[in-house]
Amino acid sequence: MRIILNSDILHMNRLLATGLARHLDEFCREAAQFGAVLVLPRTVILENERHQRELCNKAVDKLKAASSTLALWGVAVPPFTAEDLIRNVDLTNALQATGITVEVQAATFDDYRDAERRASLHLAPQSPDTETDEMRDLVIWAIALRIARQDGGAMLVSRDEIHSDKRGSEEAMRAGLFRAKTLDDAL
C-alpha cells in the first residue's frame, strides 16, 4: 500500500540532522516490514525544506550569538563558520534510511485543476463556509485520490481537517482512500 503523508505528520520542531522523531522512525520501520511505500507530495517536500531552512538559520544565529557572548567575557573561541557546523539533511534520505521506500509525487496539471475547482467552488473536502482557499491541501487531496484510484487503494495520513473531515468521506471511499490522523492509526 502507498501511504501519503501530509506535512503536519512530518513536522518537527528540530533539525532533521538530529534524527527523525522516534514515532516517525518507528512508523517507517514497521510500515516497511509490510512493504508499504511512503508518498510525499512535492508540496510537502517544499514546505519541509522551508521549515528546516528556518530552523537552520536560527541555529546559526544562536551559534554566532554564543560566540559573541563568550568573546565579550574574554573567553577565547577558535574561529569557526557557524553555517558549516549546521548540517541540512534531506527529508527523503532521512526517511529512506529507515528502510522504507519513498516516492515523491509532483502534482499533475489535472491535480491543480481539480484543486482550483474545489477551492473556487468551496467543494468537499473543504467546508463550504471556509474563509480561506487552501490550494496546497486540496492539491494533496487530489494527489491522494489519484494514487488511490490507480493502485486500488492508498492511505492519507494527515491531521488537517480538510483531509479528515466527513465531507470527503464518500469520495475517499469511492476512490479507496483510507484516512488516518496519526501514525498509530495508520498502522
N, C-alpha and C. Protein backbone atom coordinates (compact mmCIF):
# COMPACT_ATOMS: atom_id res chain seq x y z
N MET A 1 0.85 -1.18 0.00
CA MET A 1 0.00 0.00 0.00
C MET A 1 0.89 1.24 0.00
N ARG A 2 0.46 2.25 -0.73
CA ARG A 2 1.15 3.53 -0.70
C ARG A 2 0.46 4.41 0.34
N ILE A 3 1.27 5.06 1.15
CA ILE A 3 0.77 5.89 2.25
C ILE A 3 1.23 7.32 1.98
N ILE A 4 0.28 8.22 1.81
CA ILE A 4 0.59 9.62 1.54
C ILE A 4 0.68 10.34 2.88
N LEU A 5 1.79 11.01 3.12
CA LEU A 5 1.96 11.74 4.38
C LEU A 5 1.86 13.24 4.13
N ASN A 6 1.10 13.90 4.96
CA ASN A 6 0.99 15.36 4.92
C ASN A 6 2.10 15.96 5.77
N SER A 7 2.39 17.22 5.55
CA SER A 7 3.48 17.88 6.27
C SER A 7 3.21 17.96 7.77
N ASP A 8 1.96 18.05 8.20
CA ASP A 8 1.69 18.15 9.63
C ASP A 8 2.10 16.87 10.38
N ILE A 9 2.15 15.76 9.68
CA ILE A 9 2.58 14.50 10.29
C ILE A 9 4.11 14.45 10.36
N LEU A 10 4.77 15.05 9.40
CA LEU A 10 6.24 15.04 9.33
C LEU A 10 6.88 16.19 10.09
N HIS A 11 6.10 17.19 10.43
CA HIS A 11 6.62 18.42 11.03
C HIS A 11 7.35 18.14 12.35
N MET A 12 8.57 18.64 12.43
CA MET A 12 9.37 18.52 13.66
C MET A 12 9.87 19.92 14.02
N ASN A 13 9.95 20.20 15.29
CA ASN A 13 10.48 21.49 15.73
C ASN A 13 11.97 21.41 16.03
N ARG A 14 12.65 20.56 15.28
CA ARG A 14 14.09 20.44 15.41
C ARG A 14 14.67 20.09 14.05
N LEU A 15 15.96 20.26 13.93
CA LEU A 15 16.62 19.97 12.67
C LEU A 15 16.61 18.47 12.39
N LEU A 16 16.42 18.12 11.14
CA LEU A 16 16.46 16.71 10.74
C LEU A 16 17.83 16.10 11.01
N ALA A 17 18.86 16.94 11.07
CA ALA A 17 20.22 16.45 11.34
C ALA A 17 20.30 15.76 12.69
N THR A 18 19.35 16.05 13.59
CA THR A 18 19.34 15.40 14.90
C THR A 18 18.62 14.06 14.85
N GLY A 19 18.07 13.71 13.68
CA GLY A 19 17.37 12.44 13.50
C GLY A 19 15.87 12.65 13.42
N LEU A 20 15.21 11.64 12.89
CA LEU A 20 13.75 11.66 12.83
C LEU A 20 13.16 11.55 14.23
N ALA A 21 11.98 12.07 14.40
CA ALA A 21 11.26 11.88 15.65
C ALA A 21 11.04 10.37 15.83
N ARG A 22 11.11 9.89 17.07
CA ARG A 22 11.04 8.46 17.34
C ARG A 22 9.78 7.82 16.76
N HIS A 23 8.63 8.46 16.94
CA HIS A 23 7.38 7.87 16.45
C HIS A 23 7.38 7.75 14.92
N LEU A 24 8.00 8.70 14.24
CA LEU A 24 8.08 8.64 12.78
C LEU A 24 9.05 7.56 12.33
N ASP A 25 10.18 7.47 13.01
CA ASP A 25 11.17 6.43 12.70
C ASP A 25 10.54 5.04 12.89
N GLU A 26 9.85 4.84 14.01
CA GLU A 26 9.22 3.54 14.28
C GLU A 26 8.13 3.23 13.26
N PHE A 27 7.33 4.24 12.91
CA PHE A 27 6.29 4.03 11.91
C PHE A 27 6.90 3.58 10.59
N CYS A 28 7.94 4.27 10.13
CA CYS A 28 8.56 3.93 8.85
C CYS A 28 9.12 2.52 8.86
N ARG A 29 9.79 2.16 9.93
CA ARG A 29 10.37 0.81 10.02
C ARG A 29 9.28 -0.27 10.01
N GLU A 30 8.20 -0.03 10.75
CA GLU A 30 7.13 -1.02 10.79
C GLU A 30 6.39 -1.09 9.45
N ALA A 31 6.11 0.06 8.87
CA ALA A 31 5.41 0.09 7.57
C ALA A 31 6.27 -0.57 6.49
N ALA A 32 7.59 -0.40 6.56
CA ALA A 32 8.50 -1.02 5.59
C ALA A 32 8.41 -2.54 5.66
N GLN A 33 8.21 -3.09 6.86
CA GLN A 33 8.10 -4.54 7.01
C GLN A 33 6.89 -5.09 6.26
N PHE A 34 5.88 -4.25 6.06
CA PHE A 34 4.67 -4.67 5.34
C PHE A 34 4.75 -4.33 3.85
N GLY A 35 5.89 -3.79 3.43
CA GLY A 35 6.06 -3.44 2.02
C GLY A 35 5.39 -2.14 1.61
N ALA A 36 5.04 -1.32 2.58
CA ALA A 36 4.39 -0.04 2.28
C ALA A 36 5.38 0.90 1.61
N VAL A 37 4.86 1.82 0.86
CA VAL A 37 5.65 2.87 0.20
C VAL A 37 5.12 4.20 0.69
N LEU A 38 6.02 5.07 1.17
CA LEU A 38 5.60 6.41 1.58
C LEU A 38 5.57 7.31 0.36
N VAL A 39 4.49 8.04 0.21
CA VAL A 39 4.37 9.00 -0.87
C VAL A 39 4.39 10.39 -0.25
N LEU A 40 5.31 11.21 -0.72
CA LEU A 40 5.39 12.59 -0.26
C LEU A 40 5.02 13.51 -1.42
N PRO A 41 3.88 14.19 -1.32
CA PRO A 41 3.58 15.18 -2.35
C PRO A 41 4.70 16.23 -2.37
N ARG A 42 5.04 16.71 -3.54
CA ARG A 42 6.14 17.68 -3.67
C ARG A 42 5.89 18.90 -2.79
N THR A 43 4.63 19.29 -2.59
CA THR A 43 4.34 20.43 -1.74
C THR A 43 4.81 20.17 -0.31
N VAL A 44 4.74 18.92 0.14
CA VAL A 44 5.19 18.54 1.48
C VAL A 44 6.71 18.69 1.57
N ILE A 45 7.41 18.24 0.53
CA ILE A 45 8.88 18.37 0.49
C ILE A 45 9.27 19.85 0.56
N LEU A 46 8.62 20.67 -0.25
CA LEU A 46 8.96 22.10 -0.27
C LEU A 46 8.66 22.77 1.07
N GLU A 47 7.53 22.43 1.67
CA GLU A 47 7.19 23.01 2.98
C GLU A 47 8.20 22.59 4.04
N ASN A 48 8.62 21.32 4.00
CA ASN A 48 9.62 20.84 4.95
C ASN A 48 10.96 21.55 4.73
N GLU A 49 11.36 21.74 3.48
CA GLU A 49 12.62 22.43 3.19
C GLU A 49 12.60 23.84 3.76
N ARG A 50 11.48 24.54 3.59
CA ARG A 50 11.36 25.90 4.13
C ARG A 50 11.48 25.89 5.64
N HIS A 51 10.79 24.97 6.28
CA HIS A 51 10.81 24.89 7.74
C HIS A 51 12.22 24.54 8.25
N GLN A 52 12.87 23.58 7.60
CA GLN A 52 14.22 23.20 8.02
C GLN A 52 15.21 24.35 7.81
N ARG A 53 15.04 25.11 6.73
CA ARG A 53 15.92 26.26 6.47
C ARG A 53 15.76 27.30 7.58
N GLU A 54 14.51 27.52 8.03
CA GLU A 54 14.27 28.46 9.14
C GLU A 54 14.96 27.98 10.41
N LEU A 55 14.83 26.68 10.71
CA LEU A 55 15.48 26.13 11.91
C LEU A 55 17.00 26.23 11.79
N CYS A 56 17.51 25.99 10.61
CA CYS A 56 18.95 26.07 10.36
C CYS A 56 19.45 27.51 10.60
N ASN A 57 18.73 28.48 10.07
CA ASN A 57 19.11 29.88 10.25
C ASN A 57 19.09 30.28 11.72
N LYS A 58 18.10 29.80 12.47
CA LYS A 58 18.03 30.09 13.91
C LYS A 58 19.22 29.48 14.65
N ALA A 59 19.58 28.26 14.28
CA ALA A 59 20.72 27.60 14.93
C ALA A 59 22.01 28.35 14.63
N VAL A 60 22.18 28.79 13.40
CA VAL A 60 23.37 29.57 13.03
C VAL A 60 23.42 30.86 13.85
N ASP A 61 22.29 31.54 13.97
CA ASP A 61 22.23 32.78 14.76
C ASP A 61 22.60 32.51 16.22
N LYS A 62 22.13 31.39 16.77
CA LYS A 62 22.44 31.05 18.17
C LYS A 62 23.94 30.79 18.34
N LEU A 63 24.53 30.09 17.40
CA LEU A 63 25.98 29.84 17.48
C LEU A 63 26.77 31.14 17.42
N LYS A 64 26.40 32.02 16.53
CA LYS A 64 27.08 33.31 16.41
C LYS A 64 26.92 34.13 17.68
N ALA A 65 25.71 34.13 18.24
CA ALA A 65 25.45 34.88 19.47
C ALA A 65 26.25 34.30 20.64
N ALA A 66 26.33 32.97 20.71
CA ALA A 66 27.10 32.33 21.78
C ALA A 66 28.57 32.69 21.66
N SER A 67 29.09 32.68 20.46
CA SER A 67 30.49 33.03 20.24
C SER A 67 30.75 34.47 20.64
N SER A 68 29.85 35.36 20.27
CA SER A 68 29.99 36.78 20.63
C SER A 68 29.94 36.98 22.14
N THR A 69 29.02 36.28 22.78
CA THR A 69 28.90 36.40 24.24
C THR A 69 30.16 35.91 24.94
N LEU A 70 30.69 34.77 24.51
CA LEU A 70 31.92 34.26 25.10
C LEU A 70 33.08 35.22 24.87
N ALA A 71 33.20 35.77 23.68
CA ALA A 71 34.27 36.72 23.37
C ALA A 71 34.14 37.97 24.24
N LEU A 72 32.90 38.40 24.46
CA LEU A 72 32.65 39.57 25.32
C LEU A 72 33.19 39.36 26.73
N TRP A 73 33.15 38.13 27.20
CA TRP A 73 33.61 37.80 28.54
C TRP A 73 35.06 37.33 28.55
N GLY A 74 35.74 37.52 27.44
CA GLY A 74 37.16 37.21 27.38
C GLY A 74 37.49 35.73 27.20
N VAL A 75 36.51 34.94 26.83
CA VAL A 75 36.74 33.52 26.61
C VAL A 75 37.17 33.34 25.15
N ALA A 76 38.33 32.72 24.98
CA ALA A 76 38.85 32.52 23.63
C ALA A 76 38.05 31.42 22.92
N VAL A 77 37.56 31.76 21.77
CA VAL A 77 36.79 30.81 20.97
C VAL A 77 37.53 30.67 19.63
N PRO A 78 37.90 29.45 19.29
CA PRO A 78 38.57 29.28 18.00
C PRO A 78 37.65 29.76 16.87
N PRO A 79 38.23 30.32 15.84
CA PRO A 79 37.38 30.79 14.73
C PRO A 79 36.62 29.63 14.08
N PHE A 80 35.39 29.90 13.72
CA PHE A 80 34.57 28.90 13.04
C PHE A 80 33.54 29.62 12.18
N THR A 81 33.02 28.88 11.24
CA THR A 81 31.94 29.39 10.40
C THR A 81 30.69 28.64 10.82
N ALA A 82 29.78 29.36 11.45
CA ALA A 82 28.58 28.74 12.01
C ALA A 82 27.80 27.97 10.96
N GLU A 83 27.72 28.50 9.75
CA GLU A 83 26.96 27.84 8.69
C GLU A 83 27.52 26.46 8.35
N ASP A 84 28.83 26.27 8.55
CA ASP A 84 29.45 24.98 8.24
C ASP A 84 29.16 23.92 9.31
N LEU A 85 28.75 24.35 10.49
CA LEU A 85 28.52 23.42 11.59
C LEU A 85 27.11 22.84 11.60
N ILE A 86 26.20 23.47 10.91
CA ILE A 86 24.81 23.03 10.90
C ILE A 86 24.56 22.27 9.61
N ARG A 87 24.29 20.98 9.75
CA ARG A 87 24.02 20.14 8.57
C ARG A 87 22.56 20.25 8.17
N ASN A 88 22.35 20.27 6.88
CA ASN A 88 20.99 20.23 6.35
C ASN A 88 20.77 18.83 5.79
N VAL A 89 19.77 18.14 6.30
CA VAL A 89 19.50 16.75 5.91
C VAL A 89 18.25 16.72 5.03
N ASP A 90 18.33 15.99 3.95
CA ASP A 90 17.21 15.83 3.03
C ASP A 90 16.16 14.90 3.65
N LEU A 91 14.92 15.32 3.66
CA LEU A 91 13.83 14.55 4.25
C LEU A 91 13.70 13.17 3.62
N THR A 92 13.76 13.11 2.31
CA THR A 92 13.62 11.83 1.61
C THR A 92 14.71 10.86 2.05
N ASN A 93 15.95 11.34 2.13
CA ASN A 93 17.06 10.48 2.56
C ASN A 93 16.89 10.02 4.01
N ALA A 94 16.43 10.93 4.86
CA ALA A 94 16.24 10.58 6.27
C ALA A 94 15.18 9.48 6.42
N LEU A 95 14.11 9.58 5.66
CA LEU A 95 13.06 8.56 5.71
C LEU A 95 13.54 7.24 5.12
N GLN A 96 14.25 7.30 4.00
CA GLN A 96 14.75 6.09 3.35
C GLN A 96 15.75 5.34 4.23
N ALA A 97 16.44 6.06 5.10
CA ALA A 97 17.42 5.43 5.99
C ALA A 97 16.74 4.45 6.95
N THR A 98 15.42 4.56 7.11
CA THR A 98 14.69 3.62 7.98
C THR A 98 14.40 2.30 7.27
N GLY A 99 14.63 2.27 5.97
CA GLY A 99 14.37 1.07 5.19
C GLY A 99 13.10 1.14 4.37
N ILE A 100 12.36 2.22 4.50
CA ILE A 100 11.11 2.34 3.74
C ILE A 100 11.39 2.96 2.37
N THR A 101 10.58 2.58 1.41
CA THR A 101 10.67 3.17 0.08
C THR A 101 9.90 4.48 0.08
N VAL A 102 10.52 5.51 -0.47
CA VAL A 102 9.89 6.84 -0.50
C VAL A 102 9.74 7.27 -1.95
N GLU A 103 8.58 7.78 -2.25
CA GLU A 103 8.27 8.25 -3.60
C GLU A 103 7.78 9.69 -3.49
N VAL A 104 8.36 10.57 -4.29
CA VAL A 104 7.91 11.96 -4.31
C VAL A 104 6.97 12.12 -5.50
N GLN A 105 5.78 12.66 -5.24
CA GLN A 105 4.77 12.85 -6.28
C GLN A 105 4.57 14.33 -6.55
N ALA A 106 4.91 14.74 -7.74
CA ALA A 106 4.59 16.11 -8.16
C ALA A 106 3.13 16.13 -8.57
N ALA A 107 2.49 17.23 -8.33
CA ALA A 107 1.09 17.37 -8.74
C ALA A 107 1.04 17.45 -10.26
N THR A 108 0.04 16.81 -10.83
CA THR A 108 -0.17 16.89 -12.27
C THR A 108 -1.00 18.13 -12.57
N PHE A 109 -1.08 18.47 -13.82
CA PHE A 109 -1.92 19.59 -14.22
C PHE A 109 -3.37 19.33 -13.82
N ASP A 110 -3.81 18.10 -13.97
CA ASP A 110 -5.18 17.75 -13.57
C ASP A 110 -5.39 17.89 -12.07
N ASP A 111 -4.35 17.57 -11.26
CA ASP A 111 -4.45 17.75 -9.81
C ASP A 111 -4.66 19.23 -9.49
N TYR A 112 -3.89 20.10 -10.15
CA TYR A 112 -4.03 21.54 -9.92
C TYR A 112 -5.41 22.04 -10.36
N ARG A 113 -5.87 21.54 -11.47
CA ARG A 113 -7.19 21.97 -11.96
C ARG A 113 -8.28 21.51 -11.00
N ASP A 114 -8.15 20.29 -10.49
CA ASP A 114 -9.13 19.79 -9.53
C ASP A 114 -9.10 20.62 -8.25
N ALA A 115 -7.91 20.92 -7.75
CA ALA A 115 -7.79 21.73 -6.53
C ALA A 115 -8.33 23.13 -6.75
N GLU A 116 -8.05 23.69 -7.91
CA GLU A 116 -8.56 25.03 -8.24
C GLU A 116 -10.09 25.03 -8.23
N ARG A 117 -10.69 24.01 -8.83
CA ARG A 117 -12.15 23.89 -8.90
C ARG A 117 -12.72 23.78 -7.49
N ARG A 118 -12.13 22.92 -6.68
CA ARG A 118 -12.62 22.73 -5.31
C ARG A 118 -12.48 24.02 -4.49
N ALA A 119 -11.33 24.69 -4.63
CA ALA A 119 -11.10 25.91 -3.86
C ALA A 119 -12.06 27.01 -4.29
N SER A 120 -12.23 27.17 -5.59
CA SER A 120 -13.08 28.24 -6.10
C SER A 120 -14.55 28.03 -5.78
N LEU A 121 -14.98 26.78 -5.84
CA LEU A 121 -16.39 26.47 -5.61
C LEU A 121 -16.68 26.00 -4.18
N HIS A 122 -15.64 25.97 -3.35
CA HIS A 122 -15.76 25.52 -1.96
C HIS A 122 -16.40 24.14 -1.89
N LEU A 123 -15.85 23.21 -2.67
CA LEU A 123 -16.35 21.84 -2.72
C LEU A 123 -15.61 20.97 -1.73
N ALA A 124 -16.20 19.82 -1.39
CA ALA A 124 -15.60 18.86 -0.47
C ALA A 124 -14.23 18.44 -0.99
N PRO A 125 -13.30 18.23 -0.08
CA PRO A 125 -13.47 18.09 1.36
C PRO A 125 -13.44 19.43 2.11
N GLN A 126 -13.34 20.52 1.39
CA GLN A 126 -13.30 21.84 2.01
C GLN A 126 -14.69 22.21 2.53
N SER A 127 -14.74 22.94 3.62
CA SER A 127 -16.02 23.40 4.15
C SER A 127 -16.59 24.48 3.24
N PRO A 128 -17.90 24.44 2.97
CA PRO A 128 -18.49 25.44 2.08
C PRO A 128 -18.42 26.86 2.64
N ASP A 129 -18.28 27.01 3.95
CA ASP A 129 -18.23 28.35 4.54
C ASP A 129 -16.83 28.74 4.99
N THR A 130 -15.81 28.09 4.44
CA THR A 130 -14.44 28.41 4.80
C THR A 130 -14.07 29.81 4.29
N GLU A 131 -13.19 30.46 5.01
CA GLU A 131 -12.76 31.79 4.59
C GLU A 131 -11.46 31.76 3.81
N THR A 132 -10.77 30.63 3.81
CA THR A 132 -9.53 30.53 3.07
C THR A 132 -9.66 29.43 2.02
N ASP A 133 -8.84 29.52 1.02
CA ASP A 133 -8.80 28.50 -0.02
C ASP A 133 -7.44 27.84 0.06
N GLU A 134 -7.36 26.73 0.77
CA GLU A 134 -6.10 26.02 0.97
C GLU A 134 -5.77 25.18 -0.26
N MET A 135 -5.25 25.83 -1.26
CA MET A 135 -4.91 25.13 -2.50
C MET A 135 -3.92 23.99 -2.25
N ARG A 136 -2.92 24.22 -1.42
CA ARG A 136 -1.91 23.20 -1.16
C ARG A 136 -2.55 21.94 -0.61
N ASP A 137 -3.44 22.09 0.36
CA ASP A 137 -4.13 20.93 0.93
C ASP A 137 -5.03 20.25 -0.09
N LEU A 138 -5.65 21.04 -0.94
CA LEU A 138 -6.50 20.46 -1.98
C LEU A 138 -5.68 19.75 -3.05
N VAL A 139 -4.48 20.24 -3.31
CA VAL A 139 -3.59 19.55 -4.25
C VAL A 139 -3.18 18.20 -3.67
N ILE A 140 -2.86 18.17 -2.38
CA ILE A 140 -2.51 16.91 -1.72
C ILE A 140 -3.71 15.95 -1.77
N TRP A 141 -4.91 16.46 -1.55
CA TRP A 141 -6.12 15.65 -1.64
C TRP A 141 -6.26 15.05 -3.04
N ALA A 142 -6.05 15.86 -4.06
CA ALA A 142 -6.16 15.38 -5.44
C ALA A 142 -5.12 14.31 -5.74
N ILE A 143 -3.89 14.50 -5.27
CA ILE A 143 -2.83 13.50 -5.47
C ILE A 143 -3.21 12.20 -4.78
N ALA A 144 -3.69 12.30 -3.54
CA ALA A 144 -4.06 11.10 -2.77
C ALA A 144 -5.18 10.33 -3.46
N LEU A 145 -6.19 11.04 -3.94
CA LEU A 145 -7.29 10.37 -4.65
C LEU A 145 -6.79 9.70 -5.93
N ARG A 146 -5.92 10.40 -6.66
CA ARG A 146 -5.39 9.84 -7.91
C ARG A 146 -4.61 8.56 -7.63
N ILE A 147 -3.77 8.58 -6.61
CA ILE A 147 -2.97 7.40 -6.28
C ILE A 147 -3.88 6.26 -5.83
N ALA A 148 -4.87 6.55 -5.00
CA ALA A 148 -5.80 5.51 -4.52
C ALA A 148 -6.54 4.87 -5.69
N ARG A 149 -6.98 5.68 -6.63
CA ARG A 149 -7.68 5.13 -7.80
C ARG A 149 -6.75 4.27 -8.65
N GLN A 150 -5.52 4.74 -8.85
CA GLN A 150 -4.55 3.99 -9.66
C GLN A 150 -4.18 2.66 -9.04
N ASP A 151 -3.99 2.67 -7.72
CA ASP A 151 -3.49 1.48 -7.03
C ASP A 151 -4.58 0.59 -6.47
N GLY A 152 -5.83 1.02 -6.55
CA GLY A 152 -6.91 0.25 -5.94
C GLY A 152 -6.93 0.41 -4.43
N GLY A 153 -6.36 1.49 -3.95
CA GLY A 153 -6.33 1.79 -2.51
C GLY A 153 -5.04 2.48 -2.12
N ALA A 154 -5.14 3.39 -1.16
CA ALA A 154 -3.99 4.10 -0.60
C ALA A 154 -4.44 4.68 0.73
N MET A 155 -3.49 5.24 1.46
CA MET A 155 -3.81 5.85 2.75
C MET A 155 -3.21 7.24 2.82
N LEU A 156 -3.98 8.19 3.33
CA LEU A 156 -3.53 9.55 3.56
C LEU A 156 -3.46 9.76 5.07
N VAL A 157 -2.28 10.11 5.57
CA VAL A 157 -2.11 10.38 7.00
C VAL A 157 -1.95 11.88 7.16
N SER A 158 -2.94 12.50 7.81
CA SER A 158 -2.96 13.94 7.97
C SER A 158 -3.89 14.32 9.11
N ARG A 159 -3.48 15.32 9.88
CA ARG A 159 -4.36 15.83 10.93
C ARG A 159 -5.20 17.00 10.43
N ASP A 160 -4.88 17.50 9.23
CA ASP A 160 -5.63 18.64 8.69
C ASP A 160 -7.10 18.28 8.55
N GLU A 161 -7.95 19.17 9.01
CA GLU A 161 -9.39 18.93 8.96
C GLU A 161 -9.86 18.69 7.52
N ILE A 162 -9.29 19.41 6.60
CA ILE A 162 -9.71 19.28 5.20
C ILE A 162 -9.50 17.86 4.68
N HIS A 163 -8.50 17.16 5.22
CA HIS A 163 -8.20 15.79 4.78
C HIS A 163 -8.97 14.73 5.57
N SER A 164 -9.45 15.08 6.74
CA SER A 164 -10.03 14.05 7.61
C SER A 164 -11.51 14.24 7.89
N ASP A 165 -12.07 15.35 7.48
CA ASP A 165 -13.47 15.62 7.79
C ASP A 165 -14.40 14.71 7.00
N LYS A 166 -15.60 14.54 7.52
CA LYS A 166 -16.59 13.66 6.88
C LYS A 166 -17.00 14.16 5.50
N ARG A 167 -16.78 15.45 5.20
CA ARG A 167 -17.17 15.97 3.89
C ARG A 167 -16.48 15.22 2.75
N GLY A 168 -15.30 14.67 3.00
CA GLY A 168 -14.60 13.94 1.95
C GLY A 168 -14.78 12.43 2.04
N SER A 169 -15.57 11.97 2.99
CA SER A 169 -15.70 10.53 3.25
C SER A 169 -16.20 9.74 2.05
N GLU A 170 -17.26 10.21 1.43
CA GLU A 170 -17.85 9.46 0.32
C GLU A 170 -16.86 9.36 -0.85
N GLU A 171 -16.24 10.47 -1.19
CA GLU A 171 -15.29 10.47 -2.31
C GLU A 171 -14.08 9.60 -1.98
N ALA A 172 -13.59 9.68 -0.75
CA ALA A 172 -12.46 8.86 -0.34
C ALA A 172 -12.81 7.38 -0.43
N MET A 173 -14.00 7.03 0.03
CA MET A 173 -14.44 5.64 -0.01
C MET A 173 -14.52 5.14 -1.46
N ARG A 174 -15.10 5.94 -2.36
CA ARG A 174 -15.20 5.55 -3.77
C ARG A 174 -13.83 5.34 -4.39
N ALA A 175 -12.85 6.16 -3.99
CA ALA A 175 -11.50 6.07 -4.57
C ALA A 175 -10.66 4.98 -3.90
N GLY A 176 -11.12 4.48 -2.73
CA GLY A 176 -10.31 3.51 -1.98
C GLY A 176 -9.24 4.19 -1.15
N LEU A 177 -9.51 5.44 -0.75
CA LEU A 177 -8.55 6.20 0.05
C LEU A 177 -8.91 6.07 1.52
N PHE A 178 -8.03 5.42 2.27
CA PHE A 178 -8.19 5.32 3.72
C PHE A 178 -7.54 6.56 4.32
N ARG A 179 -8.12 7.04 5.42
CA ARG A 179 -7.59 8.26 6.04
C ARG A 179 -7.30 7.98 7.50
N ALA A 180 -6.14 8.47 7.94
CA ALA A 180 -5.75 8.33 9.35
C ALA A 180 -5.21 9.66 9.82
N LYS A 181 -5.45 9.96 11.11
CA LYS A 181 -4.97 11.22 11.67
C LYS A 181 -3.61 11.08 12.35
N THR A 182 -3.22 9.85 12.70
CA THR A 182 -1.93 9.64 13.37
C THR A 182 -1.22 8.45 12.75
N LEU A 183 0.06 8.36 13.02
CA LEU A 183 0.83 7.22 12.53
C LEU A 183 0.35 5.95 13.19
N ASP A 184 -0.02 6.01 14.46
CA ASP A 184 -0.54 4.80 15.15
C ASP A 184 -1.82 4.32 14.49
N ASP A 185 -2.72 5.27 14.16
CA ASP A 185 -3.95 4.89 13.47
C ASP A 185 -3.64 4.26 12.11
N ALA A 186 -2.63 4.78 11.44
CA ALA A 186 -2.26 4.26 10.11
C ALA A 186 -1.76 2.82 10.20
N LEU A 187 -0.99 2.53 11.24
CA LEU A 187 -0.50 1.16 11.40
C LEU A 187 -1.64 0.22 11.69
